[in-house]
Amino acid sequence: MAPPPKVARLMGSKFTSQVVREGWTHFHVVGVQRLETGWHAELAASCDGARRVRVPTTELFDRAHWVPGWTPLSQR
């Protein structure tokens, strides 16, 4: 099953987490996968590609958790 258009466009997108995850806040999408619970995005830390997190795409689209693009640390 192909991902919905909104999810398919996520590949390569940059996001800033509102909380520190795996020691970092700036991530980019390296994969999108459908699991039993829905669509999930795998994100790699921008400065350390070995640090990865997997989050539901619904959480990724929620601005309370993630902000599109890389936000400077001074603006948070």
N, C-alpha and C. Protein backbone atom coordinates (compact mmCIF):
# COMPACT_ATOMS: atom_id res chain seq x y z
N MET A 1 0.84 -1.18 0.00
CA MET A 1 0.00 0.00 0.00
C MET A 1 0.89 1.25 0.00
N ALA A 2 0.61 2.14 -0.89
CA ALA A 2 1.38 3.38 -1.00
C ALA A 2 0.97 4.35 0.11
N PRO A 3 1.93 5.13 0.61
CA PRO A 3 1.58 6.09 1.66
C PRO A 3 0.71 7.21 1.13
N PRO A 4 -0.10 7.81 1.99
CA PRO A 4 -0.89 8.96 1.56
C PRO A 4 0.04 10.08 1.08
N PRO A 5 -0.43 10.96 0.20
CA PRO A 5 0.43 12.01 -0.36
C PRO A 5 1.15 12.84 0.69
N LYS A 6 0.48 13.20 1.77
CA LYS A 6 1.10 14.01 2.81
C LYS A 6 2.28 13.27 3.45
N VAL A 7 2.15 11.98 3.63
CA VAL A 7 3.20 11.16 4.23
C VAL A 7 4.32 10.91 3.22
N ALA A 8 3.98 10.70 1.97
CA ALA A 8 4.99 10.40 0.94
C ALA A 8 5.96 11.57 0.74
N ARG A 9 5.51 12.79 0.96
CA ARG A 9 6.37 13.96 0.79
C ARG A 9 7.34 14.17 1.94
N LEU A 10 7.26 13.39 2.99
CA LEU A 10 8.10 13.58 4.17
C LEU A 10 9.57 13.25 3.94
N MET A 11 9.88 12.34 3.03
CA MET A 11 11.27 11.90 2.83
C MET A 11 12.19 13.10 2.62
N GLY A 12 13.24 13.17 3.44
CA GLY A 12 14.22 14.24 3.33
C GLY A 12 13.83 15.52 4.05
N SER A 13 12.60 15.60 4.57
CA SER A 13 12.16 16.80 5.27
C SER A 13 12.92 16.99 6.57
N LYS A 14 13.05 18.24 6.98
CA LYS A 14 13.77 18.59 8.21
C LYS A 14 12.76 19.01 9.27
N PHE A 15 13.03 18.59 10.51
CA PHE A 15 12.15 18.92 11.63
C PHE A 15 12.97 19.23 12.87
N THR A 16 12.39 20.08 13.72
CA THR A 16 12.98 20.39 15.02
C THR A 16 12.05 19.85 16.09
N SER A 17 12.59 19.05 16.98
CA SER A 17 11.81 18.51 18.08
C SER A 17 11.67 19.58 19.16
N GLN A 18 10.52 19.62 19.81
CA GLN A 18 10.31 20.57 20.90
C GLN A 18 11.00 20.12 22.18
N VAL A 19 11.40 18.85 22.25
CA VAL A 19 12.15 18.32 23.39
C VAL A 19 13.41 17.63 22.86
N VAL A 20 14.40 17.49 23.68
CA VAL A 20 15.63 16.81 23.28
C VAL A 20 15.35 15.32 23.17
N ARG A 21 15.72 14.74 22.03
CA ARG A 21 15.53 13.30 21.79
C ARG A 21 16.87 12.72 21.36
N GLU A 22 17.29 11.67 22.04
CA GLU A 22 18.57 11.04 21.75
C GLU A 22 19.72 12.05 21.79
N GLY A 23 19.56 13.11 22.59
CA GLY A 23 20.59 14.11 22.74
C GLY A 23 20.57 15.22 21.70
N TRP A 24 19.59 15.22 20.80
CA TRP A 24 19.54 16.20 19.71
C TRP A 24 18.12 16.74 19.55
N THR A 25 18.02 17.87 18.83
CA THR A 25 16.70 18.44 18.53
C THR A 25 16.45 18.57 17.03
N HIS A 26 17.49 18.60 16.20
CA HIS A 26 17.33 18.76 14.75
C HIS A 26 17.45 17.40 14.05
N PHE A 27 16.42 17.06 13.27
CA PHE A 27 16.35 15.76 12.60
C PHE A 27 15.92 15.92 11.16
N HIS A 28 16.16 14.87 10.36
CA HIS A 28 15.63 14.81 9.00
C HIS A 28 15.06 13.41 8.78
N VAL A 29 14.04 13.32 7.94
CA VAL A 29 13.33 12.06 7.71
C VAL A 29 14.14 11.19 6.75
N VAL A 30 14.45 9.96 7.19
CA VAL A 30 15.21 9.03 6.36
C VAL A 30 14.37 7.83 5.92
N GLY A 31 13.16 7.71 6.46
CA GLY A 31 12.31 6.59 6.05
C GLY A 31 10.89 6.77 6.54
N VAL A 32 9.96 6.17 5.80
CA VAL A 32 8.55 6.17 6.16
C VAL A 32 8.08 4.72 6.05
N GLN A 33 7.37 4.26 7.06
CA GLN A 33 6.98 2.85 7.10
C GLN A 33 5.59 2.70 7.69
N ARG A 34 4.83 1.76 7.14
CA ARG A 34 3.51 1.47 7.70
C ARG A 34 3.65 0.32 8.69
N LEU A 35 3.21 0.54 9.91
CA LEU A 35 3.19 -0.49 10.94
C LEU A 35 1.73 -0.78 11.28
N GLU A 36 1.50 -1.72 12.21
CA GLU A 36 0.12 -2.06 12.58
C GLU A 36 -0.63 -0.85 13.13
N THR A 37 0.09 0.05 13.77
CA THR A 37 -0.55 1.21 14.41
C THR A 37 -0.66 2.41 13.49
N GLY A 38 -0.23 2.30 12.23
CA GLY A 38 -0.32 3.41 11.28
C GLY A 38 1.03 3.75 10.68
N TRP A 39 1.12 4.91 10.04
CA TRP A 39 2.34 5.34 9.38
C TRP A 39 3.31 5.95 10.39
N HIS A 40 4.58 5.56 10.28
CA HIS A 40 5.63 6.07 11.15
C HIS A 40 6.78 6.61 10.30
N ALA A 41 7.44 7.64 10.81
CA ALA A 41 8.59 8.22 10.14
C ALA A 41 9.83 7.91 10.97
N GLU A 42 10.91 7.53 10.29
CA GLU A 42 12.19 7.34 10.96
C GLU A 42 13.02 8.58 10.70
N LEU A 43 13.48 9.19 11.78
CA LEU A 43 14.25 10.42 11.68
C LEU A 43 15.66 10.19 12.20
N ALA A 44 16.64 10.79 11.52
CA ALA A 44 18.04 10.72 11.94
C ALA A 44 18.45 12.11 12.42
N ALA A 45 19.24 12.15 13.48
CA ALA A 45 19.74 13.43 13.98
C ALA A 45 20.62 14.06 12.91
N SER A 46 20.52 15.37 12.76
CA SER A 46 21.26 16.04 11.69
C SER A 46 22.77 15.99 11.91
N CYS A 47 23.22 16.00 13.15
CA CYS A 47 24.67 16.00 13.43
C CYS A 47 25.22 14.61 13.71
N ASP A 48 24.35 13.63 13.93
CA ASP A 48 24.79 12.28 14.23
C ASP A 48 23.79 11.30 13.61
N GLY A 49 24.06 10.87 12.39
CA GLY A 49 23.15 10.01 11.65
C GLY A 49 22.86 8.67 12.30
N ALA A 50 23.71 8.27 13.26
CA ALA A 50 23.49 7.01 13.96
C ALA A 50 22.37 7.14 14.99
N ARG A 51 22.06 8.35 15.41
CA ARG A 51 20.98 8.59 16.38
C ARG A 51 19.67 8.70 15.62
N ARG A 52 18.80 7.74 15.83
CA ARG A 52 17.54 7.71 15.10
C ARG A 52 16.37 7.53 16.05
N VAL A 53 15.25 8.12 15.66
CA VAL A 53 14.00 7.96 16.40
C VAL A 53 12.90 7.63 15.41
N ARG A 54 11.93 6.87 15.85
CA ARG A 54 10.77 6.55 15.02
C ARG A 54 9.54 7.11 15.72
N VAL A 55 8.78 7.92 15.01
CA VAL A 55 7.60 8.55 15.59
C VAL A 55 6.42 8.38 14.63
N PRO A 56 5.21 8.31 15.18
CA PRO A 56 4.02 8.28 14.32
C PRO A 56 3.94 9.57 13.51
N THR A 57 3.49 9.47 12.28
CA THR A 57 3.39 10.67 11.45
C THR A 57 2.39 11.67 12.02
N THR A 58 1.39 11.18 12.74
CA THR A 58 0.44 12.10 13.37
C THR A 58 1.14 12.98 14.39
N GLU A 59 2.11 12.43 15.12
CA GLU A 59 2.89 13.22 16.08
C GLU A 59 3.80 14.20 15.35
N LEU A 60 4.34 13.78 14.21
CA LEU A 60 5.25 14.63 13.45
C LEU A 60 4.53 15.86 12.91
N PHE A 61 3.25 15.72 12.59
CA PHE A 61 2.47 16.85 12.08
C PHE A 61 1.92 17.74 13.20
N ASP A 62 2.10 17.35 14.46
CA ASP A 62 1.60 18.11 15.61
C ASP A 62 2.67 19.12 16.04
N ARG A 63 2.38 20.40 15.92
CA ARG A 63 3.36 21.45 16.22
C ARG A 63 3.72 21.52 17.70
N ALA A 64 2.94 20.89 18.56
CA ALA A 64 3.31 20.84 19.98
C ALA A 64 4.51 19.94 20.20
N HIS A 65 4.76 19.00 19.26
CA HIS A 65 5.88 18.06 19.38
C HIS A 65 7.01 18.37 18.41
N TRP A 66 6.68 18.73 17.17
CA TRP A 66 7.67 18.94 16.12
C TRP A 66 7.35 20.20 15.34
N VAL A 67 8.40 20.91 14.90
CA VAL A 67 8.25 22.11 14.08
C VAL A 67 8.94 21.83 12.75
N PRO A 68 8.28 22.12 11.61
CA PRO A 68 8.93 21.91 10.32
C PRO A 68 10.17 22.80 10.18
N GLY A 69 11.20 22.27 9.56
CA GLY A 69 12.45 23.01 9.38
C GLY A 69 13.33 22.94 10.60
N TRP A 70 14.49 23.56 10.51
CA TRP A 70 15.41 23.59 11.63
C TRP A 70 15.34 24.96 12.28
N THR A 71 14.80 25.01 13.48
CA THR A 71 14.66 26.25 14.23
C THR A 71 15.95 26.52 15.01
N PRO A 72 16.50 27.75 14.92
CA PRO A 72 17.70 28.07 15.70
C PRO A 72 17.43 27.91 17.20
N LEU A 73 18.41 27.47 17.93
CA LEU A 73 18.26 27.25 19.37
C LEU A 73 17.87 28.52 20.10
N SER A 74 18.30 29.68 19.60
CA SER A 74 18.00 30.94 20.27
C SER A 74 16.52 31.32 20.19
N GLN A 75 15.76 30.70 19.30
CA GLN A 75 14.34 31.03 19.13
C GLN A 75 13.43 30.15 19.97
N ARG A 76 14.00 29.24 20.76
CA ARG A 76 13.14 28.35 21.55
C ARG A 76 13.21 28.69 23.00
